[in-house]
Amino acid sequence: MPTRKVFSLWCAVLVATAAVAFCQEEQAKQGAILTPDATGNCFEFDTEAIQGTIRLDGAYHGVSRLVDKRTGRQLIDPRYSALNLFKLMSVNQVMDQPRKMERTIRVNSRWVEVKWAASDGHKGEVTARYELPEANAVEVTVTVRSKGTYRAYELFMSSYFDKLLRPYVYLQSRDYARASGREPPQLVLPMVNDVFRGTVLVFPRDAHAARHCLDGRWDRNERSSPTVQMCPVRRYTHCLAFLADADKKVGAVLMSRPSHCYAISTRYFAEDEADRLTSYSAFDFSLFGEDFLPGTERSVKVGLAVIALDGDLSRPLKLYDEFIDQAKEIPDKPGLPNLKEKAQ
């Protein structure tokens, strides 16, 4: 009899443990809880890996604070934000800037959403949903419902980080295309060079994508839109960009699918303050890129994750592979380049 009672108790403990584990797993799948502040425009998150703020109002909506708990480091430049919807552009035109457009918000304990209706300049509706799918990551899914006709439509999304963080990208080697992808990509830290000093470096997906930043869209200053010379250089291998501190201890990783993002741009790094282009470090993702017609509806996803590097700069590649697998829930648009998405 005692043996049967012990066995029953043991089974009960196993069932309870499994139930707790299942609940924890389901909670993790649902994402971190977002807590609104008194204004209802800022939402705090706090996980075992990161803490921060998602802001939906003002010019610098997006992730306005992102702290790596392991090091206590705030990664975002406090003047700006990450995953910020900056410009809506097309061939030789800037339609509008979400930073300045009227918006409405919807909130849930697990996600927050901001919607920009069509404006005089931009004939279409834009929706951005922010959520934390993992304890160390924030993702934004952007959906555009077009009511206009646009050639090479672009949403230019910017992320601004602490100036001490160094930008890294994986670029195609000289013989990458000829070798059908067998040539290993090169991890590059873009440094200041007199050839492109004063410009923003653009790493396109392919030859067609390289033309977009030179088609006049960056020369237009309607609606007080800032202009800058964009300089297309080598093509990216993976739609992956990350920043690391000088000791390579912590990394801030930005990711999307090649079919969602036709170019990555950055500010070159310089040790000397006088050689820097800006007083911050930054990456921009040029999203969409194909022609839009009235009725076109398209969604893209961008992820921002914080990881421990501990001197190993290959870790972002592993994270990127996981992101690509998960991001495949958003279907591709037919006819886009068949660039190898995954690192492995």
Protein backbone atom coordinates (compact mmCIF):
# COMPACT_ATOMS: atom_id res chain seq x y z
CA MET A 1 0.00 0.00 0.00
CA PRO A 2 2.64 2.58 0.89
CA THR A 3 4.37 1.78 -2.37
CA ARG A 4 1.17 2.50 -4.32
CA LYS A 5 0.73 5.84 -2.48
CA VAL A 6 4.33 6.80 -3.18
CA PHE A 7 3.87 5.89 -6.83
CA SER A 8 0.66 7.93 -7.06
CA LEU A 9 2.35 10.89 -5.41
CA TRP A 10 5.28 10.59 -7.79
CA CYS A 11 2.93 10.54 -10.78
CA ALA A 12 1.11 13.60 -9.46
CA VAL A 13 4.40 15.48 -9.13
CA LEU A 14 5.36 14.53 -12.69
CA VAL A 15 2.01 15.73 -14.03
CA ALA A 16 2.25 19.02 -12.10
CA THR A 17 5.81 19.60 -13.30
CA ALA A 18 4.81 18.91 -16.89
CA ALA A 19 1.85 21.29 -16.56
CA VAL A 20 4.07 24.08 -15.24
CA ALA A 21 6.58 23.50 -18.01
CA PHE A 22 3.80 23.54 -20.60
CA CYS A 23 2.40 26.81 -19.24
CA GLN A 24 5.85 28.39 -19.26
CA GLU A 25 6.42 27.23 -22.83
CA GLU A 26 3.06 28.60 -23.96
CA GLN A 27 3.74 31.89 -22.20
CA ALA A 28 7.10 32.12 -23.94
CA LYS A 29 5.41 31.49 -27.30
CA GLN A 30 2.97 34.32 -26.64
CA GLY A 31 5.81 36.78 -26.04
CA ALA A 32 6.68 39.21 -23.29
CA ILE A 33 4.07 41.39 -21.66
CA LEU A 34 4.03 45.06 -22.70
CA THR A 35 3.00 47.46 -19.93
CA PRO A 36 1.71 50.93 -20.89
CA ASP A 37 2.83 54.07 -19.08
CA ALA A 38 0.49 56.85 -17.91
CA THR A 39 0.33 58.42 -21.38
CA GLY A 40 -0.65 55.19 -23.12
CA ASN A 41 1.92 55.90 -25.85
CA CYS A 42 4.95 54.13 -24.35
CA PHE A 43 5.11 50.46 -23.44
CA GLU A 44 7.68 48.88 -21.14
CA PHE A 45 9.01 45.34 -21.39
CA ASP A 46 11.21 43.40 -19.00
CA THR A 47 12.47 39.85 -19.65
CA GLU A 48 15.33 37.82 -18.26
CA ALA A 49 17.56 39.08 -21.10
CA ILE A 50 16.51 42.65 -21.92
CA GLN A 51 14.39 45.54 -20.77
CA GLY A 52 13.25 48.59 -22.65
CA THR A 53 10.54 50.75 -24.13
CA ILE A 54 8.50 50.74 -27.31
CA ARG A 55 7.22 54.21 -28.13
CA LEU A 56 4.37 54.82 -30.57
CA ASP A 57 4.11 58.62 -30.55
CA GLY A 58 6.44 61.32 -31.89
CA ALA A 59 8.99 61.28 -34.69
CA TYR A 60 11.13 58.58 -33.09
CA HIS A 61 8.54 55.88 -32.55
CA GLY A 62 9.91 52.35 -32.23
CA VAL A 63 12.30 50.87 -29.66
CA SER A 64 13.45 53.96 -27.75
CA ARG A 65 15.26 52.07 -24.99
CA LEU A 66 16.97 48.67 -25.08
CA VAL A 67 19.11 47.51 -22.17
CA ASP A 68 21.18 44.34 -22.18
CA LYS A 69 20.69 42.96 -18.66
CA ARG A 70 23.90 40.96 -18.70
CA THR A 71 26.08 44.06 -19.11
CA GLY A 72 23.62 46.78 -18.06
CA ARG A 73 24.34 48.60 -21.31
CA GLN A 74 21.76 50.83 -23.03
CA LEU A 75 22.24 50.11 -26.74
CA ILE A 76 19.96 52.72 -28.33
CA ASP A 77 21.03 56.34 -28.75
CA PRO A 78 18.61 58.01 -26.27
CA ARG A 79 17.87 60.83 -28.73
CA TYR A 80 16.40 58.44 -31.29
CA SER A 81 15.06 54.89 -31.60
CA ALA A 82 15.36 51.59 -33.45
CA LEU A 83 12.89 50.00 -35.92
CA ASN A 84 11.76 53.51 -36.79
CA LEU A 85 9.67 54.04 -39.92
CA PHE A 86 11.40 57.01 -41.56
CA LYS A 87 10.57 57.58 -45.25
CA LEU A 88 8.07 56.31 -47.81
CA MET A 89 9.72 56.60 -51.22
CA SER A 90 9.47 55.62 -54.85
CA VAL A 91 11.36 56.44 -58.06
CA ASN A 92 12.33 60.13 -57.89
CA GLN A 93 9.91 60.95 -55.10
CA VAL A 94 9.37 61.02 -51.36
CA MET A 95 5.68 60.46 -50.68
CA ASP A 96 5.68 61.15 -46.94
CA GLN A 97 7.35 60.46 -43.59
CA PRO A 98 5.60 58.33 -40.94
CA ARG A 99 7.50 60.38 -38.36
CA LYS A 100 5.26 63.32 -39.22
CA MET A 101 2.03 61.57 -40.24
CA GLU A 102 -1.12 61.28 -38.13
CA ARG A 103 -1.55 57.85 -36.58
CA THR A 104 -3.80 55.65 -34.48
CA ILE A 105 -2.73 52.87 -32.13
CA ARG A 106 -4.08 49.52 -30.99
CA VAL A 107 -2.68 47.67 -28.02
CA ASN A 108 -2.68 44.22 -26.54
CA SER A 109 -0.73 42.88 -23.59
CA ARG A 110 1.53 41.01 -26.05
CA TRP A 111 1.78 43.47 -28.96
CA VAL A 112 1.29 47.11 -29.88
CA GLU A 113 0.32 48.42 -33.28
CA VAL A 114 0.47 51.82 -34.95
CA LYS A 115 -1.42 52.64 -38.14
CA TRP A 116 -0.87 55.51 -40.57
CA ALA A 117 -3.78 56.24 -42.89
CA ALA A 118 -3.30 57.43 -46.47
CA SER A 119 -2.14 61.04 -46.69
CA ASP A 120 -2.06 63.71 -49.41
CA GLY A 121 1.40 62.53 -50.40
CA HIS A 122 1.18 58.79 -49.73
CA LYS A 123 -1.71 56.86 -51.23
CA GLY A 124 -1.76 53.88 -48.97
CA GLU A 125 -2.16 52.60 -45.43
CA VAL A 126 0.82 51.51 -43.34
CA THR A 127 0.59 49.35 -40.20
CA ALA A 128 3.48 48.42 -37.91
CA ARG A 129 3.04 45.80 -35.18
CA TYR A 130 5.75 45.47 -32.50
CA GLU A 131 6.07 42.40 -30.27
CA LEU A 132 8.65 40.35 -28.38
CA PRO A 133 8.61 36.78 -29.73
CA GLU A 134 11.66 35.81 -27.66
CA ALA A 135 13.15 36.97 -24.36
CA ASN A 136 15.98 38.75 -26.18
CA ALA A 137 14.23 40.10 -29.28
CA VAL A 138 11.79 42.68 -30.61
CA GLU A 139 10.15 42.22 -34.00
CA VAL A 140 8.13 44.56 -36.17
CA THR A 141 5.83 43.42 -38.94
CA VAL A 142 4.97 46.16 -41.43
CA THR A 143 2.00 45.86 -43.78
CA VAL A 144 1.34 48.28 -46.63
CA ARG A 145 -2.02 48.42 -48.41
CA SER A 146 -1.44 50.53 -51.49
CA LYS A 147 -4.03 52.80 -53.06
CA GLY A 148 -1.54 54.31 -55.52
CA THR A 149 0.82 53.34 -58.33
CA TYR A 150 4.48 53.38 -57.31
CA ARG A 151 7.65 52.22 -59.03
CA ALA A 152 10.16 50.50 -56.71
CA TYR A 153 8.21 51.33 -53.55
CA GLU A 154 10.36 51.68 -50.44
CA LEU A 155 9.89 51.98 -46.72
CA PHE A 156 13.18 53.23 -45.29
CA MET A 157 13.47 51.94 -41.71
CA SER A 158 16.22 53.34 -39.46
CA SER A 159 17.76 52.16 -36.20
CA TYR A 160 20.08 54.41 -34.18
CA PHE A 161 22.54 53.03 -31.64
CA ASP A 162 25.22 54.18 -29.21
CA LYS A 163 28.09 55.67 -31.21
CA LEU A 164 30.63 53.36 -29.55
CA LEU A 165 29.03 50.30 -31.13
CA ARG A 166 30.71 49.13 -34.34
CA PRO A 167 28.69 48.06 -37.42
CA TYR A 168 29.28 44.71 -39.15
CA VAL A 169 27.84 43.26 -42.36
CA TYR A 170 28.35 40.06 -44.36
CA LEU A 171 29.31 40.91 -47.94
CA GLN A 172 29.71 38.88 -51.09
CA SER A 173 33.26 38.07 -52.10
CA ARG A 174 34.53 38.94 -55.56
CA ASP A 175 33.79 35.46 -56.93
CA TYR A 176 30.57 34.84 -54.94
CA ALA A 177 28.16 34.88 -57.91
CA ARG A 178 30.56 33.00 -60.20
CA ALA A 179 31.01 30.30 -57.56
CA SER A 180 27.23 29.91 -57.06
CA GLY A 181 27.49 30.88 -53.41
CA ARG A 182 30.29 28.47 -52.56
CA GLU A 183 32.72 31.28 -51.82
CA PRO A 184 32.37 32.16 -48.12
CA PRO A 185 30.96 35.60 -47.31
CA GLN A 186 33.21 38.21 -45.77
CA LEU A 187 32.43 39.80 -42.42
CA VAL A 188 33.28 43.48 -42.79
CA LEU A 189 33.50 46.44 -40.42
CA PRO A 190 33.01 49.49 -42.72
CA MET A 191 35.67 52.06 -41.84
CA VAL A 192 36.13 55.66 -42.95
CA ASN A 193 37.72 56.12 -46.37
CA ASP A 194 38.31 59.26 -48.40
CA VAL A 195 36.63 57.65 -51.43
CA PHE A 196 33.19 57.64 -49.78
CA ARG A 197 33.71 60.13 -46.94
CA GLY A 198 30.53 62.11 -46.20
CA THR A 199 28.17 59.55 -47.77
CA VAL A 200 25.92 56.78 -46.44
CA LEU A 201 27.14 53.34 -47.51
CA VAL A 202 24.53 51.14 -49.20
CA PHE A 203 24.91 47.35 -49.46
CA PRO A 204 22.33 46.22 -52.03
CA ARG A 205 20.86 42.76 -52.52
CA ASP A 206 21.52 42.70 -56.28
CA ALA A 207 22.28 44.89 -59.29
CA HIS A 208 18.68 46.08 -59.72
CA ALA A 209 18.45 47.02 -56.05
CA ALA A 210 21.69 49.00 -56.30
CA ARG A 211 20.03 51.46 -58.68
CA HIS A 212 17.20 52.53 -56.39
CA CYS A 213 19.19 54.84 -54.13
CA LEU A 214 20.43 56.70 -57.25
CA ASP A 215 17.04 57.15 -58.99
CA GLY A 216 16.38 60.59 -57.48
CA ARG A 217 14.51 59.61 -54.33
CA TRP A 218 17.36 60.83 -52.11
CA ASP A 219 17.53 64.18 -53.92
CA ARG A 220 13.95 65.20 -53.13
CA ASN A 221 13.34 67.45 -50.12
CA GLU A 222 9.56 67.80 -50.15
CA ARG A 223 7.94 67.96 -46.71
CA SER A 224 11.33 68.93 -45.23
CA SER A 225 12.69 65.51 -46.07
CA PRO A 226 16.46 65.35 -45.38
CA THR A 227 18.76 64.55 -48.29
CA VAL A 228 22.11 62.81 -48.32
CA GLN A 229 24.38 61.21 -50.89
CA MET A 230 23.87 57.46 -50.86
CA CYS A 231 26.84 55.40 -52.06
CA PRO A 232 26.07 51.84 -53.28
CA VAL A 233 29.02 49.52 -52.74
CA ARG A 234 29.34 45.73 -52.36
CA ARG A 235 26.31 43.44 -52.24
CA TYR A 236 25.25 41.86 -48.98
CA THR A 237 25.37 38.09 -48.61
CA HIS A 238 22.85 37.73 -45.79
CA CYS A 239 20.13 40.19 -44.85
CA LEU A 240 21.84 40.58 -41.52
CA ALA A 241 23.59 43.49 -39.81
CA PHE A 242 24.87 43.75 -36.28
CA LEU A 243 26.70 46.10 -33.96
CA ALA A 244 29.20 45.11 -31.30
CA ASP A 245 31.09 46.89 -28.56
CA ALA A 246 34.88 47.24 -28.81
CA ASP A 247 35.40 44.17 -26.60
CA LYS A 248 32.95 42.10 -28.66
CA LYS A 249 30.95 41.20 -25.56
CA VAL A 250 27.42 42.18 -26.65
CA GLY A 251 25.75 42.40 -30.03
CA ALA A 252 22.63 44.14 -31.35
CA VAL A 253 21.45 42.13 -34.36
CA LEU A 254 19.10 43.36 -37.11
CA MET A 255 17.60 40.81 -39.51
CA SER A 256 15.13 40.48 -42.34
CA ARG A 257 14.59 38.25 -45.37
CA PRO A 258 16.34 39.19 -48.63
CA SER A 259 12.94 39.23 -50.34
CA HIS A 260 11.73 41.75 -47.75
CA CYS A 261 14.75 44.07 -47.73
CA TYR A 262 16.51 45.11 -50.93
CA ALA A 263 19.40 47.02 -49.29
CA ILE A 264 21.13 47.67 -45.96
CA SER A 265 22.82 51.01 -45.32
CA THR A 266 25.12 52.17 -42.54
CA ARG A 267 27.42 54.92 -41.31
CA TYR A 268 31.07 54.00 -41.58
CA PHE A 269 32.97 53.66 -38.30
CA ALA A 270 35.89 55.89 -37.26
CA GLU A 271 37.87 56.03 -34.05
CA ASP A 272 38.46 59.76 -34.47
CA GLU A 273 35.34 61.82 -33.75
CA ALA A 274 36.28 64.26 -36.54
CA ASP A 275 36.12 61.47 -39.12
CA ARG A 276 32.62 60.29 -38.22
CA LEU A 277 29.65 61.05 -40.45
CA THR A 278 27.24 61.15 -37.48
CA SER A 279 27.31 61.26 -33.69
CA TYR A 280 25.63 57.84 -33.52
CA SER A 281 25.96 54.39 -35.08
CA ALA A 282 23.10 53.27 -37.30
CA PHE A 283 21.72 50.76 -39.77
CA ASP A 284 18.86 51.31 -42.21
CA PHE A 285 16.80 48.63 -43.95
CA SER A 286 15.28 49.50 -47.33
CA LEU A 287 12.11 47.42 -47.30
CA PHE A 288 9.88 46.18 -50.15
CA GLY A 289 11.46 47.51 -53.40
CA GLU A 290 8.98 46.16 -55.96
CA ASP A 291 6.29 48.03 -57.93
CA PHE A 292 2.99 48.68 -56.16
CA LEU A 293 -0.44 49.11 -57.74
CA PRO A 294 -3.80 50.07 -56.20
CA GLY A 295 -4.89 47.03 -54.19
CA THR A 296 -1.37 45.70 -53.58
CA GLU A 297 -0.98 44.42 -50.02
CA ARG A 298 2.42 43.30 -48.79
CA SER A 299 3.96 42.50 -45.39
CA VAL A 300 7.59 42.37 -44.27
CA LYS A 301 9.27 41.56 -40.98
CA VAL A 302 12.38 42.96 -39.27
CA GLY A 303 13.89 41.56 -36.07
CA LEU A 304 16.16 43.19 -33.49
CA ALA A 305 17.86 40.89 -31.00
CA VAL A 306 20.45 41.30 -28.24
CA ILE A 307 22.96 38.47 -27.84
CA ALA A 308 26.11 37.69 -25.90
CA LEU A 309 29.06 37.57 -28.29
CA ASP A 310 31.89 36.84 -25.88
CA GLY A 311 34.35 37.41 -28.71
CA ASP A 312 32.54 35.10 -31.15
CA LEU A 313 31.29 37.17 -34.10
CA SER A 314 29.75 34.09 -35.77
CA ARG A 315 26.89 33.95 -33.25
CA PRO A 316 24.67 36.41 -35.16
CA LEU A 317 24.69 33.99 -38.12
CA LYS A 318 23.12 31.24 -36.02
CA LEU A 319 20.46 33.66 -34.81
CA TYR A 320 19.83 34.76 -38.39
CA ASP A 321 19.18 31.18 -39.52
CA GLU A 322 16.58 30.76 -36.78
CA PHE A 323 14.93 34.05 -37.74
CA ILE A 324 14.75 33.08 -41.43
CA ASP A 325 13.01 29.81 -40.55
CA GLN A 326 10.42 31.63 -38.44
CA ALA A 327 9.93 34.52 -40.90
CA LYS A 328 8.83 32.14 -43.66
CA GLU A 329 5.28 32.44 -42.34
CA ILE A 330 5.12 35.64 -44.45
CA PRO A 331 4.89 34.51 -48.12
CA ASP A 332 7.34 35.78 -50.71
CA LYS A 333 6.44 37.85 -53.71
CA PRO A 334 7.04 35.86 -56.95
CA GLY A 335 9.87 36.98 -59.20
CA LEU A 336 12.28 38.23 -56.55
CA PRO A 337 15.97 37.19 -56.66
CA ASN A 338 16.72 33.70 -55.39
CA LEU A 339 19.46 34.86 -53.03
CA LYS A 340 20.53 32.20 -50.56
CA GLU A 341 18.80 33.24 -47.37
CA LYS A 342 20.32 31.05 -44.72
CA ALA A 343 23.90 31.16 -43.53
CA GLN A 344 24.27 27.40 -43.46
